[in-house]
Structures are given as structure tokens and as C-alpha cells.
Amino acid sequence: MRKNETNHSNYLFSILAIKNLSTPFAEKLGVPVIAGSDSHQCLQYGSVLNRLNTTCATVEELKEAIKRGNYEIELSPCLQTKVKASVIMKKLLKQLNGEAPSRDEAEFGYMA
């Protein structure tokens, strides 16, 4: 198995673990579990998404598709690359702006 496949598997495992924790909570509330974005960098867009199995022309149709579970949560095949590239971009932007490294970056020497 190649390195990026192992990393993708680790992300998939994390997603499944989170879903296993969130599903009972969502069921208790009577709402579906869907993917959401916490993208801080443009390179992260599309890392995790909801793929609808039907075409929706209105907000109501979208709500119904989600309520019926007519969607799949999908991970980008290049998830690891997107995450790594966004981390590098963040570090470079901090350096360009003369910002101090975060505690983790300073502790582990992530920044030059």
C-alpha cells in the first residue's frame, strides 16, 4: 500500500469514527448526518462533500433529499494532498506576514 493510501485510510477511519459518534446524537435529535466544511484555505474546498443522488431545483427539494438520506458523504481522492498543501500555504502566509508561529509550529519546528 502506498503512503497516500495509508493516509487516506486514516482520514477515512477518522470520518467513520466521527460518524459513529454523531449518528446516535443526530438520531436523538431527528436530523440526518451530513458533511460540513471547516475549510480555512481555498485548497481545502471539496475535501469532504455531500453528493446528492437526485437533482434538486429548490431548497425544499434539497431538504427532502437530505431527510430521505438520498445522498452520500464523499471524501476527495486527493484529501491528503489538499490538507498538506493548505498547511504549507498557511505557514508560508505567516512567514510572509511576519507572524509568530503557533505553539505547535514552534514546539515541533514546523517553521523555518
PDB file of N, CA and C in Angstrom:
ATOM      1  N   MET A   1       0.850  -1.185   0.000  1.00  0.00           N
ATOM      2  CA  MET A   1       0.000   0.000   0.000  1.00  0.00           C
ATOM      3  C   MET A   1       0.889   1.239   0.000  1.00  0.00           C
ATOM      4  N   ARG A   2       0.581   2.211  -0.850  1.00  0.00           N
ATOM      5  CA  ARG A   2       1.361   3.440  -0.935  1.00  0.00           C
ATOM      6  C   ARG A   2       1.055   4.347   0.246  1.00  0.00           C
ATOM      7  N   LYS A   3       1.983   5.265   0.507  1.00  0.00           N
ATOM      8  CA  LYS A   3       1.854   6.166   1.652  1.00  0.00           C
ATOM      9  C   LYS A   3       0.545   6.952   1.614  1.00  0.00           C
ATOM     10  N   ASN A   4       0.188   7.525   0.463  1.00  0.00           N
ATOM     11  CA  ASN A   4      -1.030   8.338   0.403  1.00  0.00           C
ATOM     12  C   ASN A   4      -2.289   7.505   0.611  1.00  0.00           C
ATOM     13  N   GLU A   5      -2.238   6.220   0.253  1.00  0.00           N
ATOM     14  CA  GLU A   5      -3.385   5.355   0.508  1.00  0.00           C
ATOM     15  C   GLU A   5      -3.545   5.117   2.006  1.00  0.00           C
ATOM     16  N   THR A   6      -2.435   4.944   2.701  1.00  0.00           N
ATOM     17  CA  THR A   6      -2.486   4.768   4.156  1.00  0.00           C
ATOM     18  C   THR A   6      -3.059   6.018   4.800  1.00  0.00           C
ATOM     19  N   ASN A   7      -2.574   7.183   4.377  1.00  0.00           N
ATOM     20  CA  ASN A   7      -3.071   8.429   4.943  1.00  0.00           C
ATOM     21  C   ASN A   7      -4.553   8.604   4.652  1.00  0.00           C
ATOM     22  N   HIS A   8      -4.985   8.312   3.428  1.00  0.00           N
ATOM     23  CA  HIS A   8      -6.402   8.424   3.081  1.00  0.00           C
ATOM     24  C   HIS A   8      -7.207   7.477   3.955  1.00  0.00           C
ATOM     25  N   SER A   9      -6.671   6.277   4.203  1.00  0.00           N
ATOM     26  CA  SER A   9      -7.359   5.320   5.072  1.00  0.00           C
ATOM     27  C   SER A   9      -7.489   5.872   6.482  1.00  0.00           C
ATOM     28  N   ASN A  10      -6.445   6.563   6.964  1.00  0.00           N
ATOM     29  CA  ASN A  10      -6.507   7.169   8.297  1.00  0.00           C
ATOM     30  C   ASN A  10      -7.598   8.226   8.351  1.00  0.00           C
ATOM     31  N   TYR A  11      -7.704   9.059   7.300  1.00  0.00           N
ATOM     32  CA  TYR A  11      -8.768  10.062   7.265  1.00  0.00           C
ATOM     33  C   TYR A  11     -10.126   9.384   7.209  1.00  0.00           C
ATOM     34  N   LEU A  12     -10.231   8.335   6.399  1.00  0.00           N
ATOM     35  CA  LEU A  12     -11.496   7.616   6.291  1.00  0.00           C
ATOM     36  C   LEU A  12     -11.872   7.022   7.641  1.00  0.00           C
ATOM     37  N   PHE A  13     -10.895   6.443   8.345  1.00  0.00           N
ATOM     38  CA  PHE A  13     -11.159   5.899   9.670  1.00  0.00           C
ATOM     39  C   PHE A  13     -11.652   6.997  10.602  1.00  0.00           C
ATOM     40  N   SER A  14     -11.027   8.172  10.551  1.00  0.00           N
ATOM     41  CA  SER A  14     -11.442   9.294  11.395  1.00  0.00           C
ATOM     42  C   SER A  14     -12.860   9.725  11.064  1.00  0.00           C
ATOM     43  N   ILE A  15     -13.178   9.800   9.793  1.00  0.00           N
ATOM     44  CA  ILE A  15     -14.528  10.187   9.368  1.00  0.00           C
ATOM     45  C   ILE A  15     -15.540   9.159   9.883  1.00  0.00           C
ATOM     46  N   LEU A  16     -15.208   7.884   9.748  1.00  0.00           N
ATOM     47  CA  LEU A  16     -16.128   6.837  10.223  1.00  0.00           C
ATOM     48  C   LEU A  16     -16.292   6.899  11.734  1.00  0.00           C
ATOM     49  N   ALA A  17     -15.211   7.155  12.457  1.00  0.00           N
ATOM     50  CA  ALA A  17     -15.296   7.258  13.917  1.00  0.00           C
ATOM     51  C   ALA A  17     -16.183   8.431  14.313  1.00  0.00           C
ATOM     52  N   ILE A  18     -16.007   9.556  13.639  1.00  0.00           N
ATOM     53  CA  ILE A  18     -16.838  10.737  13.929  1.00  0.00           C
ATOM     54  C   ILE A  18     -18.293  10.445  13.591  1.00  0.00           C
ATOM     55  N   LYS A  19     -18.524   9.787  12.458  1.00  0.00           N
ATOM     56  CA  LYS A  19     -19.900   9.455  12.069  1.00  0.00           C
ATOM     57  C   LYS A  19     -20.530   8.514  13.094  1.00  0.00           C
ATOM     58  N   ASN A  20     -19.753   7.551  13.583  1.00  0.00           N
ATOM     59  CA  ASN A  20     -20.285   6.620  14.593  1.00  0.00           C
ATOM     60  C   ASN A  20     -20.649   7.335  15.888  1.00  0.00           C
ATOM     61  N   LEU A  21     -19.934   8.407  16.202  1.00  0.00           N
ATOM     62  CA  LEU A  21     -20.265   9.198  17.390  1.00  0.00           C
ATOM     63  C   LEU A  21     -21.440  10.139  17.136  1.00  0.00           C
ATOM     64  N   SER A  22     -21.482  10.702  15.929  1.00  0.00           N
ATOM     65  CA  SER A  22     -22.510  11.708  15.646  1.00  0.00           C
ATOM     66  C   SER A  22     -23.861  11.108  15.267  1.00  0.00           C
ATOM     67  N   THR A  23     -23.873   9.919  14.700  1.00  0.00           N
ATOM     68  CA  THR A  23     -25.138   9.323  14.256  1.00  0.00           C
ATOM     69  C   THR A  23     -26.147   9.137  15.395  1.00  0.00           C
ATOM     70  N   PRO A  24     -25.752   8.555  16.544  1.00  0.00           N
ATOM     71  CA  PRO A  24     -26.729   8.429  17.638  1.00  0.00           C
ATOM     72  C   PRO A  24     -27.261   9.789  18.110  1.00  0.00           C
ATOM     73  N   PHE A  25     -26.383  10.787  18.144  1.00  0.00           N
ATOM     74  CA  PHE A  25     -26.800  12.129  18.546  1.00  0.00           C
ATOM     75  C   PHE A  25     -27.799  12.704  17.543  1.00  0.00           C
ATOM     76  N   ALA A  26     -27.496  12.557  16.251  1.00  0.00           N
ATOM     77  CA  ALA A  26     -28.399  13.052  15.208  1.00  0.00           C
ATOM     78  C   ALA A  26     -29.741  12.329  15.258  1.00  0.00           C
ATOM     79  N   GLU A  27     -29.700  11.010  15.485  1.00  0.00           N
ATOM     80  CA  GLU A  27     -30.949  10.250  15.585  1.00  0.00           C
ATOM     81  C   GLU A  27     -31.793  10.724  16.757  1.00  0.00           C
ATOM     82  N   LYS A  28     -31.128  11.025  17.866  1.00  0.00           N
ATOM     83  CA  LYS A  28     -31.843  11.531  19.043  1.00  0.00           C
ATOM     84  C   LYS A  28     -32.537  12.859  18.727  1.00  0.00           C
ATOM     85  N   LEU A  29     -31.873  13.689  17.912  1.00  0.00           N
ATOM     86  CA  LEU A  29     -32.449  14.975  17.521  1.00  0.00           C
ATOM     87  C   LEU A  29     -33.408  14.868  16.341  1.00  0.00           C
ATOM     88  N   GLY A  30     -33.369  13.706  15.657  1.00  0.00           N
ATOM     89  CA  GLY A  30     -34.228  13.519  14.490  1.00  0.00           C
ATOM     90  C   GLY A  30     -33.727  14.243  13.251  1.00  0.00           C
ATOM     91  N   VAL A  31     -32.399  14.367  13.132  1.00  0.00           N
ATOM     92  CA  VAL A  31     -31.815  15.034  11.963  1.00  0.00           C
ATOM     93  C   VAL A  31     -30.780  14.117  11.309  1.00  0.00           C
ATOM     94  N   PRO A  32     -30.528  14.282  10.005  1.00  0.00           N
ATOM     95  CA  PRO A  32     -29.529  13.451   9.328  1.00  0.00           C
ATOM     96  C   PRO A  32     -28.111  13.943   9.605  1.00  0.00           C
ATOM     97  N   VAL A  33     -27.153  13.055   9.398  1.00  0.00           N
ATOM     98  CA  VAL A  33     -25.738  13.418   9.473  1.00  0.00           C
ATOM     99  C   VAL A  33     -25.301  13.779   8.062  1.00  0.00           C
ATOM    100  N   ILE A  34     -24.788  14.982   7.908  1.00  0.00           N
ATOM    101  CA  ILE A  34     -24.283  15.431   6.609  1.00  0.00           C
ATOM    102  C   ILE A  34     -22.867  15.965   6.786  1.00  0.00           C
ATOM    103  N   ALA A  35     -22.141  16.076   5.682  1.00  0.00           N
ATOM    104  CA  ALA A  35     -20.794  16.643   5.710  1.00  0.00           C
ATOM    105  C   ALA A  35     -20.897  18.154   5.790  1.00  0.00           C
ATOM    106  N   GLY A  36     -19.929  18.745   6.443  1.00  0.00           N
ATOM    107  CA  GLY A  36     -19.846  20.198   6.523  1.00  0.00           C
ATOM    108  C   GLY A  36     -18.416  20.617   6.282  1.00  0.00           C
ATOM    109  N   SER A  37     -18.209  21.874   6.017  1.00  0.00           N
ATOM    110  CA  SER A  37     -16.881  22.359   5.709  1.00  0.00           C
ATOM    111  C   SER A  37     -16.322  23.195   6.844  1.00  0.00           C
ATOM    112  N   ASP A  38     -15.071  22.950   7.139  1.00  0.00           N
ATOM    113  CA  ASP A  38     -14.329  23.786   8.073  1.00  0.00           C
ATOM    114  C   ASP A  38     -13.094  24.307   7.348  1.00  0.00           C
ATOM    115  N   SER A  39     -13.268  24.562   6.049  1.00  0.00           N
ATOM    116  CA  SER A  39     -12.148  24.988   5.213  1.00  0.00           C
ATOM    117  C   SER A  39     -11.649  26.355   5.632  1.00  0.00           C
ATOM    118  N   HIS A  40     -10.356  26.417   5.892  1.00  0.00           N
ATOM    119  CA  HIS A  40      -9.719  27.675   6.234  1.00  0.00           C
ATOM    120  C   HIS A  40      -8.877  28.190   5.071  1.00  0.00           C
ATOM    121  N   GLN A  41      -8.592  27.334   4.122  1.00  0.00           N
ATOM    122  CA  GLN A  41      -7.799  27.692   2.952  1.00  0.00           C
ATOM    123  C   GLN A  41      -8.550  27.243   1.705  1.00  0.00           C
ATOM    124  N   CYS A  42      -8.392  28.001   0.635  1.00  0.00           N
ATOM    125  CA  CYS A  42      -9.085  27.665  -0.610  1.00  0.00           C
ATOM    126  C   CYS A  42      -8.706  26.278  -1.123  1.00  0.00           C
ATOM    127  N   LEU A  43      -7.515  25.814  -0.795  1.00  0.00           N
ATOM    128  CA  LEU A  43      -7.074  24.497  -1.253  1.00  0.00           C
ATOM    129  C   LEU A  43      -7.863  23.357  -0.617  1.00  0.00           C
ATOM    130  N   GLN A  44      -8.562  23.635   0.466  1.00  0.00           N
ATOM    131  CA  GLN A  44      -9.324  22.593   1.164  1.00  0.00           C
ATOM    132  C   GLN A  44     -10.736  22.406   0.607  1.00  0.00           C
ATOM    133  N   TYR A  45     -11.217  23.347  -0.195  1.00  0.00           N
ATOM    134  CA  TYR A  45     -12.585  23.232  -0.716  1.00  0.00           C
ATOM    135  C   TYR A  45     -12.745  21.918  -1.471  1.00  0.00           C
ATOM    136  N   GLY A  46     -13.838  21.242  -1.224  1.00  0.00           N
ATOM    137  CA  GLY A  46     -14.125  19.989  -1.910  1.00  0.00           C
ATOM    138  C   GLY A  46     -13.464  18.774  -1.278  1.00  0.00           C
ATOM    139  N   SER A  47     -12.868  18.940  -0.108  1.00  0.00           N
ATOM    140  CA  SER A  47     -12.222  17.792   0.558  1.00  0.00           C
ATOM    141  C   SER A  47     -13.243  16.768   1.021  1.00  0.00           C
ATOM    142  N   VAL A  48     -14.336  17.242   1.579  1.00  0.00           N
ATOM    143  CA  VAL A  48     -15.433  16.391   2.035  1.00  0.00           C
ATOM    144  C   VAL A  48     -16.715  17.048   1.544  1.00  0.00           C
ATOM    145  N   LEU A  49     -17.585  16.257   0.933  1.00  0.00           N
ATOM    146  CA  LEU A  49     -18.806  16.855   0.392  1.00  0.00           C
ATOM    147  C   LEU A  49     -19.970  15.889   0.452  1.00  0.00           C
ATOM    148  N   ASN A  50     -21.148  16.430   0.285  1.00  0.00           N
ATOM    149  CA  ASN A  50     -22.377  15.639   0.191  1.00  0.00           C
ATOM    150  C   ASN A  50     -22.701  15.494  -1.291  1.00  0.00           C
ATOM    151  N   ARG A  51     -22.750  14.271  -1.794  1.00  0.00           N
ATOM    152  CA  ARG A  51     -23.078  14.006  -3.199  1.00  0.00           C
ATOM    153  C   ARG A  51     -24.527  13.559  -3.254  1.00  0.00           C
ATOM    154  N   LEU A  52     -25.376  14.395  -3.849  1.00  0.00           N
ATOM    155  CA  LEU A  52     -26.800  14.067  -3.958  1.00  0.00           C
ATOM    156  C   LEU A  52     -27.029  13.001  -5.021  1.00  0.00           C
ATOM    157  N   ASN A  53     -27.957  12.107  -4.755  1.00  0.00           N
ATOM    158  CA  ASN A  53     -28.315  11.062  -5.714  1.00  0.00           C
ATOM    159  C   ASN A  53     -29.496  11.467  -6.580  1.00  0.00           C
ATOM    160  N   THR A  54     -29.907  12.720  -6.459  1.00  0.00           N
ATOM    161  CA  THR A  54     -31.032  13.241  -7.225  1.00  0.00           C
ATOM    162  C   THR A  54     -30.777  14.702  -7.537  1.00  0.00           C
ATOM    163  N   THR A  55     -31.459  15.220  -8.537  1.00  0.00           N
ATOM    164  CA  THR A  55     -31.336  16.635  -8.878  1.00  0.00           C
ATOM    165  C   THR A  55     -32.361  17.428  -8.078  1.00  0.00           C
ATOM    166  N   CYS A  56     -31.910  18.522  -7.502  1.00  0.00           N
ATOM    167  CA  CYS A  56     -32.793  19.377  -6.709  1.00  0.00           C
ATOM    168  C   CYS A  56     -32.812  20.772  -7.337  1.00  0.00           C
ATOM    169  N   ALA A  57     -34.018  21.273  -7.582  1.00  0.00           N
ATOM    170  CA  ALA A  57     -34.159  22.598  -8.178  1.00  0.00           C
ATOM    171  C   ALA A  57     -34.526  23.658  -7.146  1.00  0.00           C
ATOM    172  N   THR A  58     -34.973  23.227  -5.974  1.00  0.00           N
ATOM    173  CA  THR A  58     -35.390  24.180  -4.947  1.00  0.00           C
ATOM    174  C   THR A  58     -34.791  23.777  -3.599  1.00  0.00           C
ATOM    175  N   VAL A  59     -34.839  24.684  -2.667  1.00  0.00           N
ATOM    176  CA  VAL A  59     -34.370  24.407  -1.303  1.00  0.00           C
ATOM    177  C   VAL A  59     -35.218  23.300  -0.691  1.00  0.00           C
ATOM    178  N   GLU A  60     -36.513  23.324  -0.933  1.00  0.00           N
ATOM    179  CA  GLU A  60     -37.401  22.285  -0.394  1.00  0.00           C
ATOM    180  C   GLU A  60     -37.029  20.906  -0.922  1.00  0.00           C
ATOM    181  N   GLU A  61     -36.731  20.804  -2.210  1.00  0.00           N
ATOM    182  CA  GLU A  61     -36.313  19.522  -2.782  1.00  0.00           C
ATOM    183  C   GLU A  61     -34.995  19.055  -2.153  1.00  0.00           C
ATOM    184  N   LEU A  62     -34.092  19.980  -1.900  1.00  0.00           N
ATOM    185  CA  LEU A  62     -32.822  19.656  -1.247  1.00  0.00           C
ATOM    186  C   LEU A  62     -33.069  19.130   0.168  1.00  0.00           C
ATOM    187  N   LYS A  63     -33.921  19.829   0.917  1.00  0.00           N
ATOM    188  CA  LYS A  63     -34.254  19.385   2.275  1.00  0.00           C
ATOM    189  C   LYS A  63     -34.847  17.978   2.263  1.00  0.00           C
ATOM    190  N   GLU A  64     -35.747  17.719   1.330  1.00  0.00           N
ATOM    191  CA  GLU A  64     -36.382  16.397   1.238  1.00  0.00           C
ATOM    192  C   GLU A  64     -35.362  15.317   0.890  1.00  0.00           C
ATOM    193  N   ALA A  65     -34.456  15.611  -0.037  1.00  0.00           N
ATOM    194  CA  ALA A  65     -33.431  14.635  -0.417  1.00  0.00           C
ATOM    195  C   ALA A  65     -32.565  14.285   0.788  1.00  0.00           C
ATOM    196  N   ILE A  66     -32.215  15.282   1.585  1.00  0.00           N
ATOM    197  CA  ILE A  66     -31.395  15.044   2.769  1.00  0.00           C
ATOM    198  C   ILE A  66     -32.188  14.261   3.818  1.00  0.00           C
ATOM    199  N   LYS A  67     -33.434  14.654   4.044  1.00  0.00           N
ATOM    200  CA  LYS A  67     -34.271  13.930   5.020  1.00  0.00           C
ATOM    201  C   LYS A  67     -34.419  12.457   4.658  1.00  0.00           C
ATOM    202  N   ARG A  68     -34.540  12.178   3.359  1.00  0.00           N
ATOM    203  CA  ARG A  68     -34.707  10.799   2.885  1.00  0.00           C
ATOM    204  C   ARG A  68     -33.386  10.035   2.820  1.00  0.00           C
ATOM    205  N   GLY A  69     -32.273  10.733   3.082  1.00  0.00           N
ATOM    206  CA  GLY A  69     -30.967  10.080   3.010  1.00  0.00           C
ATOM    207  C   GLY A  69     -30.532   9.801   1.595  1.00  0.00           C
ATOM    208  N   ASN A  70     -31.013  10.619   0.665  1.00  0.00           N
ATOM    209  CA  ASN A  70     -30.723  10.428  -0.745  1.00  0.00           C
ATOM    210  C   ASN A  70     -29.418  11.146  -1.128  1.00  0.00           C
ATOM    211  N   TYR A  71     -28.345  10.837  -0.390  1.00  0.00           N
ATOM    212  CA  TYR A  71     -27.039  11.454  -0.627  1.00  0.00           C
ATOM    213  C   TYR A  71     -25.958  10.558  -0.033  1.00  0.00           C
ATOM    214  N   GLU A  72     -24.742  10.799  -0.421  1.00  0.00           N
ATOM    215  CA  GLU A  72     -23.579  10.099   0.130  1.00  0.00           C
ATOM    216  C   GLU A  72     -22.568  11.144   0.574  1.00  0.00           C
ATOM    217  N   ILE A  73     -21.872  10.878   1.672  1.00  0.00           N
ATOM    218  CA  ILE A  73     -20.769  11.730   2.095  1.00  0.00           C
ATOM    219  C   ILE A  73     -19.528  11.194   1.392  1.00  0.00           C
ATOM    220  N   GLU A  74     -18.838  12.083   0.685  1.00  0.00           N
ATOM    221  CA  GLU A  74     -17.719  11.675  -0.153  1.00  0.00           C
ATOM    222  C   GLU A  74     -16.434  12.389   0.253  1.00  0.00           C
ATOM    223  N   LEU A  75     -15.340  11.634   0.317  1.00  0.00           N
ATOM    224  CA  LEU A  75     -14.017  12.194   0.568  1.00  0.00           C
ATOM    225  C   LEU A  75     -13.293  12.359  -0.764  1.00  0.00           C
ATOM    226  N   SER A  76     -12.609  13.462  -0.932  1.00  0.00           N
ATOM    227  CA  SER A  76     -11.819  13.679  -2.137  1.00  0.00           C
ATOM    228  C   SER A  76     -10.716  12.636  -2.217  1.00  0.00           C
ATOM    229  N   PRO A  77     -10.447  12.088  -3.415  1.00  0.00           N
ATOM    230  CA  PRO A  77      -9.344  11.135  -3.546  1.00  0.00           C
ATOM    231  C   PRO A  77      -7.981  11.790  -3.278  1.00  0.00           C
ATOM    232  N   CYS A  78      -7.923  13.112  -3.320  1.00  0.00           N
ATOM    233  CA  CYS A  78      -6.660  13.813  -3.043  1.00  0.00           C
ATOM    234  C   CYS A  78      -6.740  14.569  -1.711  1.00  0.00           C
ATOM    235  N   LEU A  79      -7.485  14.024  -0.766  1.00  0.00           N
ATOM    236  CA  LEU A  79      -7.670  14.663   0.533  1.00  0.00           C
ATOM    237  C   LEU A  79      -6.341  14.963   1.216  1.00  0.00           C
ATOM    238  N   GLN A  80      -5.460  13.975   1.272  1.00  0.00           N
ATOM    239  CA  GLN A  80      -4.171  14.171   1.943  1.00  0.00           C
ATOM    240  C   GLN A  80      -3.389  15.314   1.306  1.00  0.00           C
ATOM    241  N   THR A  81      -3.379  15.386   0.003  1.00  0.00           N
ATOM    242  CA  THR A  81      -2.664  16.459  -0.701  1.00  0.00           C
ATOM    243  C   THR A  81      -3.283  17.811  -0.393  1.00  0.00           C
ATOM    244  N   LYS A  82      -4.609  17.882  -0.374  1.00  0.00           N
ATOM    245  CA  LYS A  82      -5.294  19.143  -0.066  1.00  0.00           C
ATOM    246  C   LYS A  82      -4.949  19.632   1.340  1.00  0.00           C
ATOM    247  N   VAL A  83      -4.958  18.714   2.308  1.00  0.00           N
ATOM    248  CA  VAL A  83      -4.658  19.086   3.690  1.00  0.00           C
ATOM    249  C   VAL A  83      -3.205  19.527   3.811  1.00  0.00           C
ATOM    250  N   LYS A  84      -2.290  18.756   3.251  1.00  0.00           N
ATOM    251  CA  LYS A  84      -0.871  19.086   3.341  1.00  0.00           C
ATOM    252  C   LYS A  84      -0.574  20.422   2.662  1.00  0.00           C
ATOM    253  N   ALA A  85      -1.143  20.640   1.479  1.00  0.00           N
ATOM    254  CA  ALA A  85      -0.916  21.894   0.754  1.00  0.00           C
ATOM    255  C   ALA A  85      -1.457  23.091   1.530  1.00  0.00           C
ATOM    256  N   SER A  86      -2.592  22.940   2.175  1.00  0.00           N
ATOM    257  CA  SER A  86      -3.159  24.054   2.940  1.00  0.00           C
ATOM    258  C   SER A  86      -2.316  24.363   4.174  1.00  0.00           C
ATOM    259  N   VAL A  87      -1.727  23.337   4.784  1.00  0.00           N
ATOM    260  CA  VAL A  87      -0.838  23.553   5.935  1.00  0.00           C
ATOM    261  C   VAL A  87       0.406  24.313   5.491  1.00  0.00           C
ATOM    262  N   ILE A  88       0.978  23.914   4.366  1.00  0.00           N
ATOM    263  CA  ILE A  88       2.163  24.602   3.832  1.00  0.00           C
ATOM    264  C   ILE A  88       1.826  26.047   3.486  1.00  0.00           C
ATOM    265  N   MET A  89       0.673  26.258   2.837  1.00  0.00           N
ATOM    266  CA  MET A  89       0.266  27.610   2.465  1.00  0.00           C
ATOM    267  C   MET A  89       0.087  28.493   3.694  1.00  0.00           C
ATOM    268  N   LYS A  90      -0.503  27.946   4.748  1.00  0.00           N
ATOM    269  CA  LYS A  90      -0.699  28.708   5.981  1.00  0.00           C
ATOM    270  C   LYS A  90       0.651  29.129   6.569  1.00  0.00           C
ATOM    271  N   LYS A  91       1.599  28.202   6.600  1.00  0.00           N
ATOM    272  CA  LYS A  91       2.930  28.516   7.126  1.00  0.00           C
ATOM    273  C   LYS A  91       3.602  29.616   6.316  1.00  0.00           C
ATOM    274  N   LEU A  92       3.513  29.496   4.982  1.00  0.00           N
ATOM    275  CA  LEU A  92       4.141  30.496   4.124  1.00  0.00           C
ATOM    276  C   LEU A  92       3.496  31.868   4.292  1.00  0.00           C
ATOM    277  N   LEU A  93       2.180  31.910   4.408  1.00  0.00           N
ATOM    278  CA  LEU A  93       1.496  33.192   4.604  1.00  0.00           C
ATOM    279  C   LEU A  93       1.893  33.822   5.935  1.00  0.00           C
ATOM    280  N   LYS A  94       2.044  33.005   6.963  1.00  0.00           N
ATOM    281  CA  LYS A  94       2.501  33.527   8.257  1.00  0.00           C
ATOM    282  C   LYS A  94       3.903  34.115   8.133  1.00  0.00           C
ATOM    283  N   GLN A  95       4.775  33.407   7.444  1.00  0.00           N
ATOM    284  CA  GLN A  95       6.137  33.898   7.263  1.00  0.00           C
ATOM    285  C   GLN A  95       6.147  35.210   6.490  1.00  0.00           C
ATOM    286  N   LEU A  96       5.370  35.275   5.418  1.00  0.00           N
ATOM    287  CA  LEU A  96       5.310  36.496   4.604  1.00  0.00           C
ATOM    288  C   LEU A  96       4.770  37.681   5.390  1.00  0.00           C
ATOM    289  N   ASN A  97       3.852  37.422   6.304  1.00  0.00           N
ATOM    290  CA  ASN A  97       3.251  38.494   7.102  1.00  0.00           C
ATOM    291  C   ASN A  97       4.031  38.784   8.381  1.00  0.00           C
ATOM    292  N   GLY A  98       5.115  38.058   8.603  1.00  0.00           N
ATOM    293  CA  GLY A  98       5.934  38.285   9.794  1.00  0.00           C
ATOM    294  C   GLY A  98       5.266  37.845  11.082  1.00  0.00           C
ATOM    295  N   GLU A  99       4.304  36.923  10.998  1.00  0.00           N
ATOM    296  CA  GLU A  99       3.596  36.442  12.181  1.00  0.00           C
ATOM    297  C   GLU A  99       4.407  35.384  12.902  1.00  0.00           C
ATOM    298  N   ALA A 100       4.226  35.326  14.196  1.00  0.00           N
ATOM    299  CA  ALA A 100       4.888  34.302  15.005  1.00  0.00           C
ATOM    300  C   ALA A 100       4.255  32.949  14.715  1.00  0.00           C
ATOM    301  N   PRO A 101       5.039  31.881  14.795  1.00  0.00           N
ATOM    302  CA  PRO A 101       4.462  30.542  14.606  1.00  0.00           C
ATOM    303  C   PRO A 101       3.535  30.191  15.753  1.00  0.00           C
ATOM    304  N   SER A 102       2.606  29.276  15.500  1.00  0.00           N
ATOM    305  CA  SER A 102       1.722  28.791  16.562  1.00  0.00           C
ATOM    306  C   SER A 102       2.557  28.008  17.572  1.00  0.00           C
ATOM    307  N   ARG A 103       1.968  27.681  18.704  1.00  0.00           N
ATOM    308  CA  ARG A 103       2.658  26.905  19.730  1.00  0.00           C
ATOM    309  C   ARG A 103       3.161  25.574  19.164  1.00  0.00           C
ATOM    310  N   ASP A 104       2.314  24.861  18.417  1.00  0.00           N
ATOM    311  CA  ASP A 104       2.727  23.576  17.823  1.00  0.00           C
ATOM    312  C   ASP A 104       3.851  23.773  16.818  1.00  0.00           C
ATOM    313  N   GLU A 105       3.746  24.811  15.989  1.00  0.00           N
ATOM    314  CA  GLU A 105       4.791  25.058  14.994  1.00  0.00           C
ATOM    315  C   GLU A 105       6.114  25.374  15.668  1.00  0.00           C
ATOM    316  N   ALA A 106       6.071  26.151  16.716  1.00  0.00           N
ATOM    317  CA  ALA A 106       7.301  26.499  17.438  1.00  0.00           C
ATOM    318  C   ALA A 106       7.869  25.283  18.168  1.00  0.00           C
ATOM    319  N   GLU A 107       6.989  24.499  18.799  1.00  0.00           N
ATOM    320  CA  GLU A 107       7.430  23.345  19.574  1.00  0.00           C
ATOM    321  C   GLU A 107       8.053  22.266  18.699  1.00  0.00           C
ATOM    322  N   PHE A 108       7.439  22.017  17.532  1.00  0.00           N
ATOM    323  CA  PHE A 108       7.906  20.949  16.672  1.00  0.00           C
ATOM    324  C   PHE A 108       8.780  21.442  15.523  1.00  0.00           C
ATOM    325  N   GLY A 109       9.057  22.748  15.487  1.00  0.00           N
ATOM    326  CA  GLY A 109       9.951  23.294  14.469  1.00  0.00           C
ATOM    327  C   GLY A 109       9.410  23.252  13.064  1.00  0.00           C
ATOM    328  N   TYR A 110       8.104  23.478  12.914  1.00  0.00           N
ATOM    329  CA  TYR A 110       7.499  23.417  11.583  1.00  0.00           C
ATOM    330  C   TYR A 110       7.857  24.598  10.713  1.00  0.00           C
ATOM    331  N   MET A 111       8.246  25.696  11.295  1.00  0.00           N
ATOM    332  CA  MET A 111       8.540  26.893  10.503  1.00  0.00           C
ATOM    333  C   MET A 111      10.033  27.155  10.513  1.00  0.00           C
ATOM    334  N   ALA A 112      10.520  27.681   9.411  1.00  0.00           N
ATOM    335  CA  ALA A 112      11.959  27.987   9.288  1.00  0.00           C
ATOM    336  C   ALA A 112      12.309  29.217  10.094  1.00  0.00           C
TER     337      ALA A 112
END
